[in-house]
Amino acid sequence: GSDLIYTEEGVGWLAKAMASLLNFSKERRQQRPASRIVYGHTHGRIPELDQKWEQQLHAVGLTWNILERIPVIGWEGRSTVIMEIFCQA
């Protein structure tokens, strides 16, 4: 997915949906490699939602690594951040 956040309500629902996909019982997580979601988020597209997005990911028990930053052509100073999202240990 890419740029799926358009409202404050959407921030919460997307984070909850991702957590639901990634959260398995502790026993199932030990039996198989940890699942990951790769998501592209363009920082600054809706600035007031960027920080809320990161806060909501933490609130539902998720964390992330930044895999890459891709400059947005024609949108000076902005980039799409490719994130690997997964359950906190």
PDB file of N, CA and C in Angstrom:
ATOM      1  N   GLY A   1       0.820  -1.188   0.000  1.00  0.00           N
ATOM      2  CA  GLY A   1       0.000   0.000   0.000  1.00  0.00           C
ATOM      3  C   GLY A   1       0.858   1.242   0.000  1.00  0.00           C
ATOM      4  N   SER A   2       0.277   2.340  -0.345  1.00  0.00           N
ATOM      5  CA  SER A   2       0.967   3.620  -0.324  1.00  0.00           C
ATOM      6  C   SER A   2      -0.032   4.735  -0.078  1.00  0.00           C
ATOM      7  N   ASP A   3       0.312   5.606   0.857  1.00  0.00           N
ATOM      8  CA  ASP A   3      -0.486   6.797   1.151  1.00  0.00           C
ATOM      9  C   ASP A   3      -1.962   6.477   1.362  1.00  0.00           C
ATOM     10  N   LEU A   4      -2.227   5.676   2.374  1.00  0.00           N
ATOM     11  CA  LEU A   4      -3.594   5.274   2.678  1.00  0.00           C
ATOM     12  C   LEU A   4      -4.226   6.126   3.774  1.00  0.00           C
ATOM     13  N   ILE A   5      -3.527   7.164   4.233  1.00  0.00           N
ATOM     14  CA  ILE A   5      -4.007   7.976   5.346  1.00  0.00           C
ATOM     15  C   ILE A   5      -4.492   9.326   4.826  1.00  0.00           C
ATOM     16  N   TYR A   6      -5.781   9.607   5.065  1.00  0.00           N
ATOM     17  CA  TYR A   6      -6.362  10.875   4.627  1.00  0.00           C
ATOM     18  C   TYR A   6      -7.064  11.618   5.747  1.00  0.00           C
ATOM     19  N   THR A   7      -7.358  10.941   6.862  1.00  0.00           N
ATOM     20  CA  THR A   7      -8.043  11.565   7.985  1.00  0.00           C
ATOM     21  C   THR A   7      -7.447  11.051   9.289  1.00  0.00           C
ATOM     22  N   GLU A   8      -7.730  11.765  10.385  1.00  0.00           N
ATOM     23  CA  GLU A   8      -7.261  11.310  11.694  1.00  0.00           C
ATOM     24  C   GLU A   8      -7.889   9.959  12.045  1.00  0.00           C
ATOM     25  N   GLU A   9      -9.154   9.781  11.708  1.00  0.00           N
ATOM     26  CA  GLU A   9      -9.812   8.500  11.947  1.00  0.00           C
ATOM     27  C   GLU A   9      -9.122   7.383  11.152  1.00  0.00           C
ATOM     28  N   GLY A  10      -8.718   7.688   9.928  1.00  0.00           N
ATOM     29  CA  GLY A  10      -8.024   6.719   9.091  1.00  0.00           C
ATOM     30  C   GLY A  10      -6.694   6.282   9.670  1.00  0.00           C
ATOM     31  N   VAL A  11      -6.010   7.211  10.357  1.00  0.00           N
ATOM     32  CA  VAL A  11      -4.740   6.883  11.020  1.00  0.00           C
ATOM     33  C   VAL A  11      -4.958   5.721  11.985  1.00  0.00           C
ATOM     34  N   GLY A  12      -5.982   5.840  12.803  1.00  0.00           N
ATOM     35  CA  GLY A  12      -6.258   4.804  13.800  1.00  0.00           C
ATOM     36  C   GLY A  12      -6.677   3.484  13.179  1.00  0.00           C
ATOM     37  N   TRP A  13      -7.569   3.553  12.199  1.00  0.00           N
ATOM     38  CA  TRP A  13      -8.061   2.313  11.593  1.00  0.00           C
ATOM     39  C   TRP A  13      -6.979   1.579  10.814  1.00  0.00           C
ATOM     40  N   LEU A  14      -6.129   2.317  10.099  1.00  0.00           N
ATOM     41  CA  LEU A  14      -5.068   1.644   9.344  1.00  0.00           C
ATOM     42  C   LEU A  14      -4.079   0.964  10.287  1.00  0.00           C
ATOM     43  N   ALA A  15      -3.690   1.646  11.364  1.00  0.00           N
ATOM     44  CA  ALA A  15      -2.769   1.045  12.334  1.00  0.00           C
ATOM     45  C   ALA A  15      -3.397  -0.201  12.970  1.00  0.00           C
ATOM     46  N   LYS A  16      -4.683  -0.127  13.310  1.00  0.00           N
ATOM     47  CA  LYS A  16      -5.366  -1.289  13.909  1.00  0.00           C
ATOM     48  C   LYS A  16      -5.451  -2.450  12.914  1.00  0.00           C
ATOM     49  N   ALA A  17      -5.722  -2.144  11.657  1.00  0.00           N
ATOM     50  CA  ALA A  17      -5.794  -3.200  10.643  1.00  0.00           C
ATOM     51  C   ALA A  17      -4.438  -3.869  10.469  1.00  0.00           C
ATOM     52  N   MET A  18      -3.372  -3.063  10.440  1.00  0.00           N
ATOM     53  CA  MET A  18      -2.025  -3.632  10.307  1.00  0.00           C
ATOM     54  C   MET A  18      -1.690  -4.494  11.512  1.00  0.00           C
ATOM     55  N   ALA A  19      -2.030  -4.009  12.712  1.00  0.00           N
ATOM     56  CA  ALA A  19      -1.760  -4.791  13.927  1.00  0.00           C
ATOM     57  C   ALA A  19      -2.529  -6.104  13.892  1.00  0.00           C
ATOM     58  N   SER A  20      -3.759  -6.069  13.423  1.00  0.00           N
ATOM     59  CA  SER A  20      -4.561  -7.284  13.335  1.00  0.00           C
ATOM     60  C   SER A  20      -3.923  -8.303  12.391  1.00  0.00           C
ATOM     61  N   LEU A  21      -3.393  -7.825  11.269  1.00  0.00           N
ATOM     62  CA  LEU A  21      -2.734  -8.724  10.324  1.00  0.00           C
ATOM     63  C   LEU A  21      -1.445  -9.314  10.887  1.00  0.00           C
ATOM     64  N   LEU A  22      -0.738  -8.537  11.698  1.00  0.00           N
ATOM     65  CA  LEU A  22       0.580  -8.958  12.176  1.00  0.00           C
ATOM     66  C   LEU A  22       0.551  -9.701  13.509  1.00  0.00           C
ATOM     67  N   ASN A  23      -0.467  -9.484  14.304  1.00  0.00           N
ATOM     68  CA  ASN A  23      -0.501 -10.076  15.646  1.00  0.00           C
ATOM     69  C   ASN A  23      -1.065 -11.477  15.623  1.00  0.00           C
ATOM     70  N   PHE A  24      -0.204 -12.423  15.880  1.00  0.00           N
ATOM     71  CA  PHE A  24      -0.600 -13.810  16.050  1.00  0.00           C
ATOM     72  C   PHE A  24      -0.376 -14.150  17.512  1.00  0.00           C
ATOM     73  N   SER A  25      -0.895 -15.256  17.944  1.00  0.00           N
ATOM     74  CA  SER A  25      -0.609 -15.693  19.304  1.00  0.00           C
ATOM     75  C   SER A  25       0.901 -15.878  19.444  1.00  0.00           C
ATOM     76  N   LYS A  26       1.372 -15.763  20.652  1.00  0.00           N
ATOM     77  CA  LYS A  26       2.803 -15.900  20.910  1.00  0.00           C
ATOM     78  C   LYS A  26       3.327 -17.237  20.393  1.00  0.00           C
ATOM     79  N   GLU A  27       2.549 -18.291  20.559  1.00  0.00           N
ATOM     80  CA  GLU A  27       2.974 -19.614  20.113  1.00  0.00           C
ATOM     81  C   GLU A  27       3.141 -19.659  18.591  1.00  0.00           C
ATOM     82  N   ARG A  28       2.200 -19.073  17.855  1.00  0.00           N
ATOM     83  CA  ARG A  28       2.282 -19.078  16.385  1.00  0.00           C
ATOM     84  C   ARG A  28       3.467 -18.249  15.905  1.00  0.00           C
ATOM     85  N   ARG A  29       3.746 -17.141  16.568  1.00  0.00           N
ATOM     86  CA  ARG A  29       4.888 -16.313  16.163  1.00  0.00           C
ATOM     87  C   ARG A  29       6.194 -17.071  16.337  1.00  0.00           C
ATOM     88  N   GLN A  30       6.285 -17.930  17.354  1.00  0.00           N
ATOM     89  CA  GLN A  30       7.502 -18.698  17.589  1.00  0.00           C
ATOM     90  C   GLN A  30       7.670 -19.812  16.572  1.00  0.00           C
ATOM     91  N   GLN A  31       6.596 -20.263  15.954  1.00  0.00           N
ATOM     92  CA  GLN A  31       6.641 -21.373  15.015  1.00  0.00           C
ATOM     93  C   GLN A  31       7.007 -20.939  13.599  1.00  0.00           C
ATOM     94  N   ARG A  32       6.960 -19.667  13.296  1.00  0.00           N
ATOM     95  CA  ARG A  32       7.218 -19.210  11.923  1.00  0.00           C
ATOM     96  C   ARG A  32       7.904 -17.856  11.941  1.00  0.00           C
ATOM     97  N   PRO A  33       8.534 -17.472  10.850  1.00  0.00           N
ATOM     98  CA  PRO A  33       9.185 -16.156  10.806  1.00  0.00           C
ATOM     99  C   PRO A  33       8.158 -15.045  11.019  1.00  0.00           C
ATOM    100  N   ALA A  34       8.606 -13.974  11.609  1.00  0.00           N
ATOM    101  CA  ALA A  34       7.722 -12.839  11.878  1.00  0.00           C
ATOM    102  C   ALA A  34       7.229 -12.216  10.570  1.00  0.00           C
ATOM    103  N   SER A  35       5.949 -11.917  10.540  1.00  0.00           N
ATOM    104  CA  SER A  35       5.365 -11.262   9.370  1.00  0.00           C
ATOM    105  C   SER A  35       5.752  -9.790   9.347  1.00  0.00           C
ATOM    106  N   ARG A  36       5.753  -9.223   8.170  1.00  0.00           N
ATOM    107  CA  ARG A  36       6.091  -7.817   7.957  1.00  0.00           C
ATOM    108  C   ARG A  36       5.107  -7.207   6.961  1.00  0.00           C
ATOM    109  N   ILE A  37       4.903  -5.907   7.069  1.00  0.00           N
ATOM    110  CA  ILE A  37       4.144  -5.153   6.074  1.00  0.00           C
ATOM    111  C   ILE A  37       5.078  -4.099   5.514  1.00  0.00           C
ATOM    112  N   VAL A  38       5.117  -3.958   4.208  1.00  0.00           N
ATOM    113  CA  VAL A  38       5.899  -2.893   3.572  1.00  0.00           C
ATOM    114  C   VAL A  38       4.904  -1.840   3.108  1.00  0.00           C
ATOM    115  N   TYR A  39       5.128  -0.592   3.561  1.00  0.00           N
ATOM    116  CA  TYR A  39       4.182   0.497   3.314  1.00  0.00           C
ATOM    117  C   TYR A  39       4.940   1.747   2.893  1.00  0.00           C
ATOM    118  N   GLY A  40       4.432   2.448   1.904  1.00  0.00           N
ATOM    119  CA  GLY A  40       5.027   3.707   1.465  1.00  0.00           C
ATOM    120  C   GLY A  40       4.209   4.876   1.967  1.00  0.00           C
ATOM    121  N   HIS A  41       4.847   5.777   2.714  1.00  0.00           N
ATOM    122  CA  HIS A  41       4.150   6.941   3.280  1.00  0.00           C
ATOM    123  C   HIS A  41       4.878   8.214   2.865  1.00  0.00           C
ATOM    124  N   THR A  42       4.174   9.115   2.207  1.00  0.00           N
ATOM    125  CA  THR A  42       4.773  10.387   1.792  1.00  0.00           C
ATOM    126  C   THR A  42       4.626  11.400   2.917  1.00  0.00           C
ATOM    127  N   HIS A  43       5.742  11.681   3.587  1.00  0.00           N
ATOM    128  CA  HIS A  43       5.739  12.658   4.678  1.00  0.00           C
ATOM    129  C   HIS A  43       5.459  14.045   4.122  1.00  0.00           C
ATOM    130  N   GLY A  44       4.593  14.770   4.822  1.00  0.00           N
ATOM    131  CA  GLY A  44       4.295  16.148   4.447  1.00  0.00           C
ATOM    132  C   GLY A  44       3.091  16.288   3.533  1.00  0.00           C
ATOM    133  N   ARG A  45       2.554  15.190   3.070  1.00  0.00           N
ATOM    134  CA  ARG A  45       1.369  15.252   2.205  1.00  0.00           C
ATOM    135  C   ARG A  45       0.190  15.819   3.003  1.00  0.00           C
ATOM    136  N   ILE A  46      -0.011  15.306   4.207  1.00  0.00           N
ATOM    137  CA  ILE A  46      -0.969  15.851   5.170  1.00  0.00           C
ATOM    138  C   ILE A  46      -0.192  15.944   6.491  1.00  0.00           C
ATOM    139  N   PRO A  47       0.576  17.031   6.674  1.00  0.00           N
ATOM    140  CA  PRO A  47       1.548  17.116   7.769  1.00  0.00           C
ATOM    141  C   PRO A  47       1.010  16.793   9.160  1.00  0.00           C
ATOM    142  N   GLU A  48      -0.213  17.223   9.475  1.00  0.00           N
ATOM    143  CA  GLU A  48      -0.731  17.007  10.832  1.00  0.00           C
ATOM    144  C   GLU A  48      -0.967  15.521  11.136  1.00  0.00           C
ATOM    145  N   LEU A  49      -0.985  14.682  10.115  1.00  0.00           N
ATOM    146  CA  LEU A  49      -1.218  13.252  10.344  1.00  0.00           C
ATOM    147  C   LEU A  49       0.073  12.440  10.471  1.00  0.00           C
ATOM    148  N   ASP A  50       1.209  12.984  10.039  1.00  0.00           N
ATOM    149  CA  ASP A  50       2.465  12.220  10.067  1.00  0.00           C
ATOM    150  C   ASP A  50       2.833  11.755  11.467  1.00  0.00           C
ATOM    151  N   GLN A  51       2.864  12.677  12.423  1.00  0.00           N
ATOM    152  CA  GLN A  51       3.246  12.319  13.788  1.00  0.00           C
ATOM    153  C   GLN A  51       2.182  11.421  14.426  1.00  0.00           C
ATOM    154  N   LYS A  52       0.914  11.706  14.162  1.00  0.00           N
ATOM    155  CA  LYS A  52      -0.159  10.870  14.712  1.00  0.00           C
ATOM    156  C   LYS A  52      -0.054   9.435  14.197  1.00  0.00           C
ATOM    157  N   TRP A  53       0.363   9.278  12.952  1.00  0.00           N
ATOM    158  CA  TRP A  53       0.539   7.949  12.356  1.00  0.00           C
ATOM    159  C   TRP A  53       1.587   7.157  13.137  1.00  0.00           C
ATOM    160  N   GLU A  54       2.737   7.766  13.393  1.00  0.00           N
ATOM    161  CA  GLU A  54       3.793   7.082  14.128  1.00  0.00           C
ATOM    162  C   GLU A  54       3.358   6.778  15.564  1.00  0.00           C
ATOM    163  N   GLN A  55       2.661   7.721  16.203  1.00  0.00           N
ATOM    164  CA  GLN A  55       2.167   7.492  17.567  1.00  0.00           C
ATOM    165  C   GLN A  55       1.175   6.332  17.604  1.00  0.00           C
ATOM    166  N   GLN A  56       0.292   6.264  16.615  1.00  0.00           N
ATOM    167  CA  GLN A  56      -0.713   5.209  16.586  1.00  0.00           C
ATOM    168  C   GLN A  56      -0.085   3.841  16.339  1.00  0.00           C
ATOM    169  N   LEU A  57       0.938   3.784  15.502  1.00  0.00           N
ATOM    170  CA  LEU A  57       1.635   2.504  15.306  1.00  0.00           C
ATOM    171  C   LEU A  57       2.174   1.990  16.637  1.00  0.00           C
ATOM    172  N   HIS A  58       2.830   2.871  17.403  1.00  0.00           N
ATOM    173  CA  HIS A  58       3.345   2.462  18.718  1.00  0.00           C
ATOM    174  C   HIS A  58       2.208   2.065  19.654  1.00  0.00           C
ATOM    175  N   ALA A  59       1.107   2.801  19.602  1.00  0.00           N
ATOM    176  CA  ALA A  59      -0.019   2.537  20.503  1.00  0.00           C
ATOM    177  C   ALA A  59      -0.612   1.144  20.303  1.00  0.00           C
ATOM    178  N   VAL A  60      -0.544   0.618  19.084  1.00  0.00           N
ATOM    179  CA  VAL A  60      -1.088  -0.724  18.819  1.00  0.00           C
ATOM    180  C   VAL A  60      -0.009  -1.807  18.840  1.00  0.00           C
ATOM    181  N   GLY A  61       1.199  -1.453  19.309  1.00  0.00           N
ATOM    182  CA  GLY A  61       2.252  -2.451  19.485  1.00  0.00           C
ATOM    183  C   GLY A  61       3.104  -2.722  18.258  1.00  0.00           C
ATOM    184  N   LEU A  62       3.141  -1.766  17.335  1.00  0.00           N
ATOM    185  CA  LEU A  62       3.948  -1.947  16.124  1.00  0.00           C
ATOM    186  C   LEU A  62       5.138  -0.998  16.124  1.00  0.00           C
ATOM    187  N   THR A  63       6.151  -1.377  15.408  1.00  0.00           N
ATOM    188  CA  THR A  63       7.320  -0.535  15.196  1.00  0.00           C
ATOM    189  C   THR A  63       7.717  -0.671  13.733  1.00  0.00           C
ATOM    190  N   TRP A  64       8.766   0.034  13.317  1.00  0.00           N
ATOM    191  CA  TRP A  64       9.129   0.018  11.906  1.00  0.00           C
ATOM    192  C   TRP A  64      10.596   0.331  11.702  1.00  0.00           C
ATOM    193  N   ASN A  65      11.081  -0.074  10.553  1.00  0.00           N
ATOM    194  CA  ASN A  65      12.391   0.325  10.036  1.00  0.00           C
ATOM    195  C   ASN A  65      12.133   1.078   8.739  1.00  0.00           C
ATOM    196  N   ILE A  66      12.923   2.086   8.495  1.00  0.00           N
ATOM    197  CA  ILE A  66      12.842   2.779   7.216  1.00  0.00           C
ATOM    198  C   ILE A  66      13.776   2.062   6.253  1.00  0.00           C
ATOM    199  N   LEU A  67      13.202   1.543   5.166  1.00  0.00           N
ATOM    200  CA  LEU A  67      13.983   0.816   4.179  1.00  0.00           C
ATOM    201  C   LEU A  67      14.587   1.740   3.132  1.00  0.00           C
ATOM    202  N   GLU A  68      13.846   2.794   2.780  1.00  0.00           N
ATOM    203  CA  GLU A  68      14.319   3.702   1.732  1.00  0.00           C
ATOM    204  C   GLU A  68      13.515   4.991   1.765  1.00  0.00           C
ATOM    205  N   ARG A  69      14.137   6.066   1.319  1.00  0.00           N
ATOM    206  CA  ARG A  69      13.455   7.352   1.116  1.00  0.00           C
ATOM    207  C   ARG A  69      13.561   7.677  -0.368  1.00  0.00           C
ATOM    208  N   ILE A  70      12.414   7.875  -1.006  1.00  0.00           N
ATOM    209  CA  ILE A  70      12.381   8.148  -2.434  1.00  0.00           C
ATOM    210  C   ILE A  70      11.902   9.582  -2.643  1.00  0.00           C
ATOM    211  N   PRO A  71      12.720  10.452  -3.221  1.00  0.00           N
ATOM    212  CA  PRO A  71      12.290  11.838  -3.453  1.00  0.00           C
ATOM    213  C   PRO A  71      11.053  11.882  -4.344  1.00  0.00           C
ATOM    214  N   VAL A  72      10.144  12.806  -4.009  1.00  0.00           N
ATOM    215  CA  VAL A  72       8.938  12.998  -4.817  1.00  0.00           C
ATOM    216  C   VAL A  72       9.248  14.075  -5.853  1.00  0.00           C
ATOM    217  N   ILE A  73       9.251  13.697  -7.111  1.00  0.00           N
ATOM    218  CA  ILE A  73       9.567  14.626  -8.203  1.00  0.00           C
ATOM    219  C   ILE A  73       8.485  15.695  -8.276  1.00  0.00           C
ATOM    220  N   GLY A  74       8.922  16.939  -8.327  1.00  0.00           N
ATOM    221  CA  GLY A  74       7.995  18.060  -8.424  1.00  0.00           C
ATOM    222  C   GLY A  74       7.423  18.516  -7.096  1.00  0.00           C
ATOM    223  N   TRP A  75       7.857  17.895  -6.011  1.00  0.00           N
ATOM    224  CA  TRP A  75       7.360  18.258  -4.678  1.00  0.00           C
ATOM    225  C   TRP A  75       8.585  18.463  -3.794  1.00  0.00           C
ATOM    226  N   GLU A  76       9.198  19.619  -3.941  1.00  0.00           N
ATOM    227  CA  GLU A  76      10.486  19.950  -3.317  1.00  0.00           C
ATOM    228  C   GLU A  76      10.526  19.620  -1.820  1.00  0.00           C
ATOM    229  N   GLY A  77      11.555  18.901  -1.420  1.00  0.00           N
ATOM    230  CA  GLY A  77      11.781  18.588  -0.018  1.00  0.00           C
ATOM    231  C   GLY A  77      10.944  17.444   0.530  1.00  0.00           C
ATOM    232  N   ARG A  78      10.126  16.828  -0.282  1.00  0.00           N
ATOM    233  CA  ARG A  78       9.279  15.740   0.191  1.00  0.00           C
ATOM    234  C   ARG A  78       9.810  14.413  -0.328  1.00  0.00           C
ATOM    235  N   SER A  79       9.562  13.374   0.452  1.00  0.00           N
ATOM    236  CA  SER A  79       9.961  12.038   0.015  1.00  0.00           C
ATOM    237  C   SER A  79       8.942  11.012   0.483  1.00  0.00           C
ATOM    238  N   THR A  80       8.863   9.935  -0.251  1.00  0.00           N
ATOM    239  CA  THR A  80       8.059   8.802   0.182  1.00  0.00           C
ATOM    240  C   THR A  80       8.976   7.874   0.956  1.00  0.00           C
ATOM    241  N   VAL A  81       8.570   7.575   2.163  1.00  0.00           N
ATOM    242  CA  VAL A  81       9.352   6.706   3.043  1.00  0.00           C
ATOM    243  C   VAL A  81       8.797   5.292   2.922  1.00  0.00           C
ATOM    244  N   ILE A  82       9.652   4.361   2.545  1.00  0.00           N
ATOM    245  CA  ILE A  82       9.265   2.955   2.474  1.00  0.00           C
ATOM    246  C   ILE A  82       9.571   2.341   3.840  1.00  0.00           C
ATOM    247  N   MET A  83       8.510   1.901   4.507  1.00  0.00           N
ATOM    248  CA  MET A  83       8.610   1.407   5.881  1.00  0.00           C
ATOM    249  C   MET A  83       8.357  -0.098   5.926  1.00  0.00           C
ATOM    250  N   GLU A  84       9.140  -0.785   6.728  1.00  0.00           N
ATOM    251  CA  GLU A  84       8.890  -2.190   7.071  1.00  0.00           C
ATOM    252  C   GLU A  84       8.260  -2.167   8.470  1.00  0.00           C
ATOM    253  N   ILE A  85       7.000  -2.552   8.570  1.00  0.00           N
ATOM    254  CA  ILE A  85       6.249  -2.462   9.820  1.00  0.00           C
ATOM    255  C   ILE A  85       6.090  -3.870  10.406  1.00  0.00           C
ATOM    256  N   PHE A  86       6.316  -4.005  11.721  1.00  0.00           N
ATOM    257  CA  PHE A  86       6.257  -5.313  12.369  1.00  0.00           C
ATOM    258  C   PHE A  86       5.915  -5.162  13.831  1.00  0.00           C
ATOM    259  N   CYS A  87       5.593  -6.269  14.500  1.00  0.00           N
ATOM    260  CA  CYS A  87       5.258  -6.269  15.930  1.00  0.00           C
ATOM    261  C   CYS A  87       6.492  -5.963  16.766  1.00  0.00           C
ATOM    262  N   GLN A  88       6.292  -5.193  17.820  1.00  0.00           N
ATOM    263  CA  GLN A  88       7.388  -4.929  18.750  1.00  0.00           C
ATOM    264  C   GLN A  88       7.729  -6.221  19.478  1.00  0.00           C
ATOM    265  N   ALA A  89       8.996  -6.374  19.793  1.00  0.00           N
ATOM    266  CA  ALA A  89       9.455  -7.604  20.462  1.00  0.00           C
ATOM    267  C   ALA A  89       8.925  -7.706  21.865  1.00  0.00           C
TER     268      ALA A  89
END
